[in-house]
């Protein structure tokens, strides 16, 4: 790991640590501490998603033209301003505007950091780099939330102001760290698109990337979009899960990621990416069956809680398998110099899924218990189907980068010609 990659990973950890400080307490802060009510708090959460959807289509082009580091620095300053403003806001208007700035900055950080990882890694090290990124993000979020929970006091608005000030300080510290990163020269696409929408047209013409985007939407919709909405509502309403058991389930998810991330990495690196993603769909199908037993199995309260905790743990295992698989595949599908555009497009798909997922899953999980489980069980099986289909669109090296390390690929017991590493898809 070079010096540039070390700084990028430190940046990932610090940004996640800062977000962990505030995200779990945002609703309470707006609705209760500032006394603006649940409706305004709901609008604030919606503004985060809307801000991301507005800026991400432009972020990719900016990364391609300017490079990922200047875009990241601008996003960090914007997020720091939004965080500090949110900690001082006391009216609905200022709260919403501050949330928009914070949400926009956070959204642009993701593809900018991902593109920096691509530029500072090789095909051999990329999976491990993204696995480390995911590991540090979850660790930072968990530690930030744990410390933040001991700082906040709903009777003192100043404690929340301190929380947002710490988050802003993390972003500004990250500006200093990222300013010292020496990025390798990344060649640009010959005749980079200047006309409006030109690069998007090029991306939409990449069938493998379009299929991966559809698959990504289903992945985020069926898992991440349900964590704090439909699945938690289902656990409380159908399975009678207590808040402490729900917290244990969340902790089990994070613990599984932290423990399993590098344990599964070697296994994942030696397998076809499409098959790894297909296996995740099957694992998540088992997770939804466990959730179904928790709420519909009519077992004891202890058994229901254990099954519900195992659901979150199985989701964590799938996430650990996806982190060194999906993000590097996005980078490998991008033509030279277009990684920023592709990362932004995939981040946009993720934000869409995270916006639609709670809106669909929340009401279903709270009231339509049986249909909720069946629906997302089918979505998980759909992940397996889409992953197998995607595998047919990928070149051998895109699907299994370890093949590039060998000079020949054996097929049917006989060596064939060397497998070329494509410069673009």
Foldseek 3Di string as FASTA:
>chain_A
DDPLLVLLLVLLLLLLLLCLLPVVCQQLLCCQLLVPHNVLSVLLVVLLLVLLLVCLLVLLVCCLVPNLLVQLLVLLLQLLQLLLQCLVDNDSVSNNVSSSSNSNSVNSNQLSSLVLLLQPDDLVCSLVSLLSSVLSSLVSSVVSNVVSVVQDDSVDSVSSSVSSNSSSVSSVVSSVSSVPRDTDDFDHDVCPDDDPCPVVVVQVVQVLLVLLLVLLLLLLLLAVLCLPAQLVLLCCQQLVDDPVLSVLLQVLLSVLSNVCLVVCSVVLLQAFLLVLQLVLLVLLLVLLVLQCCSRPVPDDSVSSSVSSSVSSNSNSNSVSSCSSRSSVLLQLQAAGSSSSSSSSSSSSSSSVSNVVNNVVSRVCSNPVPVVSSVVSSVSSNVSNVSSVVSVVSDDPCSRRVVLLVDQFDDDPNDTDHGDDRDNHD
